[in-house]
C-alpha atoms as a PDB file:
ATOM      1  CA  MET A   1      -0.073   0.384  -0.384  1.00  0.00           C
ATOM      2  CA  ALA A   2       3.067   2.425   0.952  1.00  0.00           C
ATOM      3  CA  LEU A   3       4.207   1.970  -2.295  1.00  0.00           C
ATOM      4  CA  ILE A   4       0.938   2.754  -4.390  1.00  0.00           C
ATOM      5  CA  ARG A   5       1.031   6.527  -6.217  1.00  0.00           C
ATOM      6  CA  GLY A   6      -2.963   6.913  -5.175  1.00  0.00           C
ATOM      7  CA  THR A   7      -6.429   7.110  -6.093  1.00  0.00           C
ATOM      8  CA  THR A   8      -5.855   9.556  -9.380  1.00  0.00           C
ATOM      9  CA  CYS A   9      -3.311   7.225 -11.206  1.00  0.00           C
ATOM     10  CA  ASN A  10      -3.146   4.977 -13.526  1.00  0.00           C
ATOM     11  CA  PHE A  11      -3.591   2.023 -11.374  1.00  0.00           C
ATOM     12  CA  PRO A  12      -5.159   2.765  -8.748  1.00  0.00           C
ATOM     13  CA  CYS A  13      -6.461  -0.139  -6.798  1.00  0.00           C
ATOM     14  CA  PRO A  14      -4.781  -1.790  -4.215  1.00  0.00           C
ATOM     15  CA  VAL A  15      -5.366  -5.319  -5.207  1.00  0.00           C
ATOM     16  CA  CYS A  16      -5.721  -5.649  -8.580  1.00  0.00           C
ATOM     17  CA  LEU A  17      -4.020  -4.309 -11.773  1.00  0.00           C
ATOM     18  CA  VAL A  18      -6.859  -2.765 -13.184  1.00  0.00           C
ATOM     19  CA  PRO A  19      -6.144   0.248 -15.104  1.00  0.00           C
ATOM     20  CA  GLY A  20      -8.225   3.292 -13.613  1.00  0.00           C
ATOM     21  CA  THR A  21      -9.937   3.892 -16.659  1.00  0.00           C
ATOM     22  CA  GLN A  22     -11.140   0.535 -16.370  1.00  0.00           C
ATOM     23  CA  LEU A  23     -12.194   0.507 -13.329  1.00  0.00           C
ATOM     24  CA  SER A  24     -15.838   0.069 -12.630  1.00  0.00           C
ATOM     25  CA  ASP A  25     -16.851  -2.115 -16.292  1.00  0.00           C
ATOM     26  CA  GLY A  26     -16.539  -4.923 -14.327  1.00  0.00           C
ATOM     27  CA  SER A  27     -13.402  -6.955 -16.114  1.00  0.00           C
ATOM     28  CA  GLU A  28     -10.653  -9.591 -14.245  1.00  0.00           C
ATOM     29  CA  HIS A  29      -7.204  -8.225 -14.185  1.00  0.00           C
ATOM     30  CA  PRO A  30      -3.724  -9.325 -12.961  1.00  0.00           C
ATOM     31  CA  LEU A  31      -3.679  -9.257  -8.704  1.00  0.00           C
ATOM     32  CA  ARG A  32      -1.093  -6.777  -7.005  1.00  0.00           C
ATOM     33  CA  THR A  33       0.539  -9.463  -5.043  1.00  0.00           C
ATOM     34  CA  SER A  34       3.298  -8.812  -2.427  1.00  0.00           C
ATOM     35  CA  GLU A  35       5.759 -11.480  -4.929  1.00  0.00           C
ATOM     36  CA  SER A  36       4.746  -9.444  -8.541  1.00  0.00           C
ATOM     37  CA  MET A  37       4.808  -5.967  -6.738  1.00  0.00           C
ATOM     38  CA  GLN A  38       8.802  -7.358  -5.512  1.00  0.00           C
ATOM     39  CA  GLN A  39       9.765  -8.545  -8.552  1.00  0.00           C
ATOM     40  CA  VAL A  40       8.488  -4.905  -9.800  1.00  0.00           C
ATOM     41  CA  TYR A  41      10.042  -2.734  -7.802  1.00  0.00           C
ATOM     42  CA  LYS A  42      13.492  -4.818  -8.469  1.00  0.00           C
ATOM     43  CA  GLU A  43      13.671  -4.658 -11.952  1.00  0.00           C
ATOM     44  CA  ALA A  44      13.068  -1.135 -11.664  1.00  0.00           C
ATOM     45  CA  LYS A  45      16.030  -0.417  -9.255  1.00  0.00           C
ATOM     46  CA  ALA A  46      18.470  -2.085 -11.509  1.00  0.00           C
ATOM     47  CA  MET A  47      17.444   0.159 -14.562  1.00  0.00           C
ATOM     48  CA  ALA A  48      20.045   2.870 -15.306  1.00  0.00           C
ATOM     49  CA  SER A  49      18.304   6.414 -15.132  1.00  0.00           C
ATOM     50  CA  LYS A  50      15.763   7.753 -12.841  1.00  0.00           C
ATOM     51  CA  THR A  51      13.514   8.243 -15.661  1.00  0.00           C
ATOM     52  CA  GLN A  52      13.418   4.749 -16.849  1.00  0.00           C
ATOM     53  CA  ARG A  53      12.787   3.828 -13.013  1.00  0.00           C
ATOM     54  CA  ASP A  54      10.276   6.049 -12.267  1.00  0.00           C
ATOM     55  CA  GLU A  55       7.974   5.401 -16.190  1.00  0.00           C
ATOM     56  CA  TYR A  56       8.395   1.918 -15.121  1.00  0.00           C
ATOM     57  CA  LEU A  57       7.300   2.192 -12.173  1.00  0.00           C
ATOM     58  CA  THR A  58       3.909   4.602 -13.419  1.00  0.00           C
ATOM     59  CA  ASN A  59       3.297   1.364 -15.591  1.00  0.00           C
ATOM     60  CA  TYR A  60       2.028  -0.344 -12.285  1.00  0.00           C
ATOM     61  CA  GLY A  61       0.693   2.340 -10.303  1.00  0.00           C
ATOM     62  CA  LEU A  62       3.868   2.343  -7.695  1.00  0.00           C
ATOM     63  CA  CYS A  63       6.524   4.951  -6.466  1.00  0.00           C
ATOM     64  CA  ASN A  64       9.938   4.728  -5.699  1.00  0.00           C
ATOM     65  CA  VAL A  65      10.171   4.270  -2.568  1.00  0.00           C
ATOM     66  CA  GLU A  66      12.957   2.395  -0.549  1.00  0.00           C
ATOM     67  CA  VAL A  67      10.730  -0.053   1.865  1.00  0.00           C
ATOM     68  CA  VAL A  68      12.951  -1.274   4.746  1.00  0.00           C
ATOM     69  CA  ARG A  69      11.523  -4.441   6.966  1.00  0.00           C
ATOM     70  CA  ASN A  70      12.577  -5.218  10.432  1.00  0.00           C
END
C-alpha cells in the first residue's frame, strides 16, 4: 500500500492491476501480489536512470520508495 501512487494514478486499485479507466467495467485483472510487486520494484532498481525507473514503476501505479523491513 505504501508504494501505490493514489486514486488518481493509472492503476489505483491496491488489490489488482485494473487501469483507472476500467474501474467500473467489471472485467478481471491480474492481482497485485507482494511477490509480483517486489519483482517489479527489483526490476526498476536495476534500471540505469531515474527516468526509466519512474516510468516503469508508473506503469504499475507504484512510487520509487525504499521499503525497509525489520
